[in-house]
Amino acid sequence: MRESHFSTCERNFILQSISKKLRIDGRQPYDYRRLKITFGVERGCCQVELGKTRVLAQVTATVGQPKPNRPTDGILFVNVELSPMASPAFEPGRLSEFGVYVNRLMERCLKESRCLDTESLCIVAGEKVWIIRIDLHVLNHDGNLIDSASIAAITSLAHFRRPDVEVSGDEVTVYPVEEREPIALSLHHMPICVSFAFFQEGKYVLVDPTEKEEKVMDGKMVIGMNKYREICTLQMAGDMLLMHEQILRCSNIAVVKVTEITELIQKALENDKQARATGAKFGFAESMEPQKITAMKKNLAEVNMENLKSSEVNLLAENISDDSSSESSDSSESIRLWGAGTAKLGRNSSDISSSDDNSEVMELSPPHPAVAVPPRPAKPKSSLPPAESDIINIDDDSEDDVKVIQKTPDFAQKDESSGDEAGGQKLTLRELLMALKKKKCSQ
């Protein structure tokens, strides 16, 4: 197991905080981190989150031969996996010294305490028994791995269901889950480990130490206990000596913590049972919380106004009233109607007249009523060349923007006193068509 880098400044800061009965995560000395228990879709799959420490437990059952010295007892096997995914300090391959320590402690806590009734796992005495295997996978390590592993192991055992078995003569029939209801394991009690970290030769004690606190502690003690105040295992590590009173004080604290954790486990099992019975969502997908903000909430801050003078209170009230009046005026002017189905929202909303300085502002007049123009009668073909007065120059094809210059002395008379050009008049195409129509009618 590789030792991760830990600076002297961090070490001194943590030790000074502990000497002042403070912790770097804001907890009290005897407080646990947030504990969360979730179950998978398959029976016996359990994930425990203790702060940022995560352990996944999976229980499986196979049929095998019993031990020669215990022919009527089943077998309980515990396996702990420490992968580099959980912490850079863990190395791949063989189990490290720390992994062996955790594995042996779990076996002592579960097997030697006789929490599981192994005699109920016997199928045929001396021939076939159930072999229960608990695989503990450490997903993330942030301190107090032993407590997380013990909670995950005992919870997965309580959640697991083994297949039903029928023995007829020499034949053993194992029924699948679809045919017969599986059977729960028989648990006598629930042993749970509680870890204590000691600092300055036992002067200060912390419950549920984090990874950084474990690096600066002088020693550690693990107490495995059930809610009946029975000590299942006790393990001490470190170079220090403890007094008899210190051990008794830690055991009394462990009783309270074990009772609370046991109630939480039973509540989680009951909720999962109800969810499976009613057909509601269950498993990891139902319990995972999204890592995003789903709502914008602003908590009101409390202001202490006991030491303020009357003038300061009045000034504060005036500022609050000014802010409220400005907000009301802004809200009243925030919406402006520009027309049917068009409005302006807020000051920064888009505005046609102010969105672009280079854009032209156009005022659209109501459309003119449509006028039906009768088709023009066909002109008789003439062999004479067109007169100069009948030539029309059209600059563009658009009906509204075309300007036509025509010299027609018959219907376009011009006043000599006007400022226009002599003998010329600017007409639109519509006006030209109307003039031609009048001319044809007069002829």
Foldseek 3Di string as FASTA:
>chain_A
DDDDDDDPVLLVVQVVQVVVQAHPVGDGQLDWADWDKAAAPAALWIWICGPPWIKIKHKDKDKWFDDPVFQQFEAEAEAEDDDCQAPVRDDPDDHDPVRVVLRVVLCLLDVVLPQFRRNVQGDDGRTIGMYMYMYMYTNYAWADNNQRRLLSRQLSLQRHFAFDWDDDPPDIDTDDCVVDPTHHTHGPFRKGKWKWFAAPQRPGIGTGDTPSSVVNTQKMKIWIATLVLDTRDIDIDHPHDDDPVSVVVVSVSVNVVRVVSVVVSVVNSVVQVVCVVVVHDGRPVVPDDDPDDPDDDDDDDDDDCPPPDPVVVVVVVVVVVVVVVVVVVQVVPQWADPDVPDIHGHDPGDDPVPNDPPDDDDDDDDDDDDDDDDDDDDDDDDPDDDDPQPDWDWDDDDQPPIWIWGQDVPPDPDDPPDPDDPRIDTDTPVVVSVVVVVVVVVD
